[in-house]
């Protein structure tokens, strides 16, 4: 993991070519919101929250590459799929 510099720069846009969700982690999109679930079961709903979680002592960082590029690994845009995710579910048609 990096020294925290990546966490300080939360204003950068997410990378369009972001890789798959790290092993042991889950990415869930529900009701237009993205949640990452850590291997220890902690739900994270924003890049800022994820940075705080990863910088805290005693949190699970399993499956994350070092150095960690936060903007490449964690994508909180519900409209963007990650590598390895299937197509978005059917949407209700507007008539």
N, C-alpha and C. Protein backbone atom coordinates (compact mmCIF):
# COMPACT_ATOMS: atom_id res chain seq x y z
N UNK A 1 0.84 -1.17 0.00
CA UNK A 1 0.00 0.00 0.00
C UNK A 1 0.89 1.23 0.00
N UNK A 2 0.41 2.32 -0.55
CA UNK A 2 1.21 3.54 -0.63
C UNK A 2 1.26 4.22 0.73
N UNK A 3 1.97 5.33 0.79
CA UNK A 3 2.13 6.06 2.03
C UNK A 3 0.95 6.97 2.34
N UNK A 4 -0.14 6.88 1.60
CA UNK A 4 -1.31 7.70 1.86
C UNK A 4 -1.51 8.80 0.84
N UNK A 5 -0.52 9.04 -0.03
CA UNK A 5 -0.65 10.10 -1.02
C UNK A 5 -1.86 9.89 -1.91
N UNK A 6 -2.13 8.65 -2.30
CA UNK A 6 -3.29 8.37 -3.16
C UNK A 6 -4.58 8.73 -2.44
N UNK A 7 -4.64 8.50 -1.14
CA UNK A 7 -5.85 8.82 -0.40
C UNK A 7 -6.06 10.32 -0.27
N UNK A 8 -5.01 11.07 -0.32
CA UNK A 8 -5.13 12.52 -0.21
C UNK A 8 -5.69 13.13 -1.49
N UNK A 9 -5.61 12.42 -2.61
CA UNK A 9 -6.05 12.95 -3.90
C UNK A 9 -7.36 12.29 -4.31
N UNK A 10 -8.44 12.56 -3.60
CA UNK A 10 -9.72 11.93 -3.88
C UNK A 10 -10.51 12.68 -4.96
N UNK A 11 -9.96 13.78 -5.48
CA UNK A 11 -10.68 14.53 -6.49
C UNK A 11 -10.39 14.04 -7.91
N UNK A 12 -9.48 13.08 -8.06
CA UNK A 12 -9.17 12.55 -9.39
C UNK A 12 -10.31 11.68 -9.88
N UNK A 13 -10.63 11.72 -11.15
CA UNK A 13 -11.69 10.85 -11.66
C UNK A 13 -11.25 9.40 -11.66
N UNK A 14 -12.22 8.50 -11.58
CA UNK A 14 -11.92 7.07 -11.62
C UNK A 14 -11.36 6.71 -12.98
N UNK A 15 -10.50 5.75 -13.01
CA UNK A 15 -9.88 5.29 -14.25
C UNK A 15 -10.89 4.49 -15.06
N UNK A 16 -11.03 4.81 -16.34
CA UNK A 16 -11.97 4.10 -17.21
C UNK A 16 -11.58 2.65 -17.42
N UNK A 17 -10.30 2.34 -17.35
CA UNK A 17 -9.85 0.98 -17.60
C UNK A 17 -9.49 0.28 -16.29
N UNK A 18 -10.28 0.54 -15.25
CA UNK A 18 -10.00 -0.06 -13.95
C UNK A 18 -10.05 -1.58 -14.05
N UNK A 19 -9.20 -2.21 -13.28
CA UNK A 19 -9.12 -3.67 -13.30
C UNK A 19 -10.23 -4.31 -12.51
N UNK A 20 -10.15 -5.61 -12.35
CA UNK A 20 -11.18 -6.34 -11.62
C UNK A 20 -11.14 -6.03 -10.13
N UNK A 21 -12.20 -6.39 -9.44
CA UNK A 21 -12.28 -6.22 -8.00
C UNK A 21 -11.21 -7.12 -7.37
N UNK A 22 -10.45 -6.61 -6.39
CA UNK A 22 -9.39 -7.42 -5.78
C UNK A 22 -9.93 -8.72 -5.18
N UNK A 23 -9.10 -9.75 -5.20
CA UNK A 23 -9.48 -11.04 -4.65
C UNK A 23 -9.87 -10.89 -3.18
N UNK A 24 -10.99 -11.45 -2.82
CA UNK A 24 -11.46 -11.38 -1.44
C UNK A 24 -12.40 -10.22 -1.18
N UNK A 25 -12.42 -9.24 -2.08
CA UNK A 25 -13.30 -8.08 -1.97
C UNK A 25 -14.53 -8.30 -2.85
N UNK A 26 -15.60 -7.58 -2.60
CA UNK A 26 -16.80 -7.62 -3.43
C UNK A 26 -17.19 -6.20 -3.79
N UNK A 27 -17.77 -6.03 -4.97
CA UNK A 27 -18.32 -4.74 -5.40
C UNK A 27 -19.79 -4.97 -5.70
N UNK A 28 -20.65 -4.23 -5.01
CA UNK A 28 -22.09 -4.39 -5.19
C UNK A 28 -22.69 -3.05 -5.60
N UNK A 29 -23.55 -3.09 -6.61
CA UNK A 29 -24.28 -1.91 -7.04
C UNK A 29 -25.75 -2.18 -6.75
N UNK A 30 -26.32 -1.39 -5.85
CA UNK A 30 -27.71 -1.54 -5.45
C UNK A 30 -28.35 -0.17 -5.34
N UNK A 31 -29.48 -0.01 -6.01
CA UNK A 31 -30.25 1.24 -5.98
C UNK A 31 -29.38 2.44 -6.34
N UNK A 32 -28.50 2.26 -7.32
CA UNK A 32 -27.68 3.36 -7.80
C UNK A 32 -26.49 3.70 -6.91
N UNK A 33 -26.20 2.89 -5.91
CA UNK A 33 -25.07 3.13 -5.02
C UNK A 33 -24.10 1.96 -5.10
N UNK A 34 -22.82 2.27 -5.04
CA UNK A 34 -21.77 1.25 -5.08
C UNK A 34 -21.25 1.04 -3.67
N UNK A 35 -21.11 -0.23 -3.29
CA UNK A 35 -20.50 -0.60 -2.02
C UNK A 35 -19.40 -1.62 -2.30
N UNK A 36 -18.25 -1.41 -1.68
CA UNK A 36 -17.20 -2.41 -1.67
C UNK A 36 -17.26 -3.09 -0.31
N UNK A 37 -17.17 -4.41 -0.31
CA UNK A 37 -17.17 -5.18 0.92
C UNK A 37 -15.77 -5.76 1.08
N UNK A 38 -15.11 -5.41 2.18
CA UNK A 38 -13.75 -5.90 2.44
C UNK A 38 -13.81 -7.38 2.81
N UNK A 39 -12.68 -8.07 2.78
CA UNK A 39 -12.66 -9.48 3.19
C UNK A 39 -13.16 -9.70 4.61
N UNK A 40 -13.07 -8.68 5.46
CA UNK A 40 -13.55 -8.82 6.84
C UNK A 40 -15.02 -8.43 6.99
N UNK A 41 -15.67 -8.06 5.87
CA UNK A 41 -17.10 -7.76 5.90
C UNK A 41 -17.47 -6.30 6.08
N UNK A 42 -16.51 -5.40 6.07
CA UNK A 42 -16.79 -3.97 6.21
C UNK A 42 -17.29 -3.41 4.89
N UNK A 43 -18.45 -2.73 4.93
CA UNK A 43 -19.03 -2.11 3.74
C UNK A 43 -18.50 -0.68 3.61
N UNK A 44 -18.01 -0.34 2.42
CA UNK A 44 -17.43 0.97 2.15
C UNK A 44 -18.17 1.60 0.99
N UNK A 45 -18.64 2.84 1.15
CA UNK A 45 -19.52 3.45 0.15
C UNK A 45 -18.95 4.68 -0.54
N UNK A 46 -17.70 5.03 -0.26
CA UNK A 46 -17.08 6.16 -0.95
C UNK A 46 -15.56 5.98 -0.95
N UNK A 47 -14.90 6.71 -1.82
CA UNK A 47 -13.44 6.66 -1.88
C UNK A 47 -12.85 7.19 -0.57
N UNK A 48 -13.44 8.24 -0.02
CA UNK A 48 -12.95 8.82 1.22
C UNK A 48 -13.06 7.82 2.37
N UNK A 49 -14.21 7.13 2.45
CA UNK A 49 -14.43 6.14 3.49
C UNK A 49 -13.44 4.97 3.32
N UNK A 50 -13.21 4.58 2.08
CA UNK A 50 -12.29 3.49 1.80
C UNK A 50 -10.86 3.87 2.20
N UNK A 51 -10.46 5.09 1.90
CA UNK A 51 -9.13 5.56 2.30
C UNK A 51 -8.98 5.53 3.82
N UNK A 52 -9.98 6.04 4.53
CA UNK A 52 -9.92 6.06 6.00
C UNK A 52 -9.83 4.64 6.54
N UNK A 53 -10.60 3.73 5.95
CA UNK A 53 -10.57 2.33 6.37
C UNK A 53 -9.18 1.72 6.16
N UNK A 54 -8.62 1.92 4.98
CA UNK A 54 -7.32 1.32 4.66
C UNK A 54 -6.17 1.92 5.46
N UNK A 55 -6.29 3.17 5.85
CA UNK A 55 -5.23 3.82 6.62
C UNK A 55 -5.31 3.51 8.11
N UNK A 56 -6.44 2.98 8.57
CA UNK A 56 -6.60 2.66 9.99
C UNK A 56 -5.83 1.39 10.34
N UNK A 57 -5.29 1.35 11.53
CA UNK A 57 -4.58 0.17 12.00
C UNK A 57 -5.56 -0.99 12.20
N UNK A 58 -5.12 -2.19 11.87
CA UNK A 58 -5.90 -3.38 12.13
C UNK A 58 -6.98 -3.70 11.12
N UNK A 59 -7.03 -2.97 9.99
CA UNK A 59 -8.04 -3.26 8.97
C UNK A 59 -7.47 -4.23 7.94
N UNK A 60 -8.37 -4.96 7.30
CA UNK A 60 -7.97 -5.97 6.33
C UNK A 60 -7.60 -5.31 5.00
N UNK A 61 -6.38 -5.56 4.57
CA UNK A 61 -5.90 -5.03 3.29
C UNK A 61 -5.58 -6.18 2.33
N UNK A 62 -6.12 -7.35 2.66
CA UNK A 62 -5.88 -8.56 1.86
C UNK A 62 -6.35 -8.37 0.43
N UNK A 63 -5.58 -8.88 -0.51
CA UNK A 63 -5.95 -8.86 -1.91
C UNK A 63 -5.58 -7.58 -2.65
N UNK A 64 -5.07 -6.58 -1.94
CA UNK A 64 -4.72 -5.31 -2.57
C UNK A 64 -3.25 -5.30 -2.97
N UNK A 65 -2.97 -4.77 -4.16
CA UNK A 65 -1.59 -4.68 -4.63
C UNK A 65 -0.86 -3.57 -3.91
N UNK A 66 0.44 -3.67 -3.91
CA UNK A 66 1.27 -2.64 -3.31
C UNK A 66 2.28 -2.20 -4.37
N UNK A 67 2.40 -0.92 -4.67
CA UNK A 67 1.65 0.18 -4.08
C UNK A 67 0.22 0.22 -4.61
N UNK A 68 -0.68 0.73 -3.81
CA UNK A 68 -2.10 0.77 -4.14
C UNK A 68 -2.44 2.06 -4.89
N UNK A 69 -3.09 1.91 -6.03
CA UNK A 69 -3.63 3.06 -6.77
C UNK A 69 -5.13 3.08 -6.53
N UNK A 70 -5.56 3.88 -5.57
CA UNK A 70 -6.97 3.92 -5.14
C UNK A 70 -7.93 4.15 -6.30
N UNK A 71 -7.58 5.06 -7.20
CA UNK A 71 -8.48 5.44 -8.29
C UNK A 71 -8.60 4.35 -9.35
N UNK A 72 -7.65 3.45 -9.38
CA UNK A 72 -7.70 2.36 -10.34
C UNK A 72 -8.44 1.16 -9.75
N UNK A 73 -8.30 0.94 -8.46
CA UNK A 73 -8.88 -0.23 -7.81
C UNK A 73 -10.33 -0.03 -7.41
N UNK A 74 -10.66 1.13 -6.85
CA UNK A 74 -12.01 1.37 -6.33
C UNK A 74 -12.74 2.38 -7.20
N UNK A 75 -13.85 1.92 -7.80
CA UNK A 75 -14.64 2.75 -8.70
C UNK A 75 -16.06 2.84 -8.12
N UNK A 76 -16.45 4.01 -7.65
CA UNK A 76 -17.75 4.20 -7.01
C UNK A 76 -18.80 4.77 -7.96
N UNK A 77 -18.52 4.75 -9.25
CA UNK A 77 -19.50 5.20 -10.25
C UNK A 77 -20.42 4.02 -10.56
N UNK A 78 -21.71 4.10 -10.20
CA UNK A 78 -22.61 2.96 -10.43
C UNK A 78 -22.86 2.68 -11.90
N UNK A 79 -22.56 3.61 -12.78
CA UNK A 79 -22.77 3.42 -14.20
C UNK A 79 -21.62 2.71 -14.90
N UNK A 80 -20.52 2.55 -14.23
CA UNK A 80 -19.35 1.90 -14.83
C UNK A 80 -19.21 0.50 -14.29
N UNK A 81 -19.05 -0.43 -15.21
CA UNK A 81 -18.82 -1.81 -14.83
C UNK A 81 -17.34 -2.05 -14.65
N UNK A 82 -17.01 -3.01 -13.85
CA UNK A 82 -15.63 -3.41 -13.64
C UNK A 82 -15.33 -4.59 -14.55
N UNK A 83 -14.07 -4.83 -14.82
CA UNK A 83 -13.70 -6.01 -15.58
C UNK A 83 -14.19 -7.24 -14.85
N UNK A 84 -14.79 -8.15 -15.57
CA UNK A 84 -15.28 -9.37 -14.96
C UNK A 84 -16.73 -9.29 -14.51
N UNK A 85 -17.34 -8.10 -14.53
CA UNK A 85 -18.75 -7.97 -14.17
C UNK A 85 -19.59 -8.16 -15.41
N UNK A 86 -20.74 -8.74 -15.23
CA UNK A 86 -21.66 -8.93 -16.33
C UNK A 86 -22.33 -7.63 -16.71
N UNK A 87 -23.18 -7.67 -17.72
CA UNK A 87 -23.88 -6.46 -18.13
C UNK A 87 -24.85 -6.01 -17.04
N UNK A 88 -25.20 -4.73 -17.03
CA UNK A 88 -26.14 -4.26 -16.02
C UNK A 88 -27.50 -4.95 -16.21
N UNK A 89 -28.23 -5.06 -15.12
CA UNK A 89 -29.54 -5.69 -15.16
C UNK A 89 -30.52 -4.88 -15.98
N UNK A 90 -31.69 -5.48 -16.29
CA UNK A 90 -32.69 -4.76 -17.08
C UNK A 90 -33.20 -3.54 -16.31
N UNK A 91 -33.47 -2.50 -17.06
CA UNK A 91 -34.00 -1.26 -16.46
C UNK A 91 -35.47 -1.15 -16.83
N UNK A 92 -36.21 -0.55 -15.94
CA UNK A 92 -37.63 -0.35 -16.21
C UNK A 92 -37.77 0.66 -17.35
N UNK A 93 -38.60 0.34 -18.31
CA UNK A 93 -38.77 1.26 -19.43
C UNK A 93 -39.67 2.40 -19.02
N UNK A 94 -39.41 3.55 -19.58
CA UNK A 94 -40.20 4.74 -19.30
C UNK A 94 -41.17 4.93 -20.45
N UNK A 95 -42.44 4.96 -20.15
CA UNK A 95 -43.45 5.15 -21.20
C UNK A 95 -44.19 6.42 -21.03
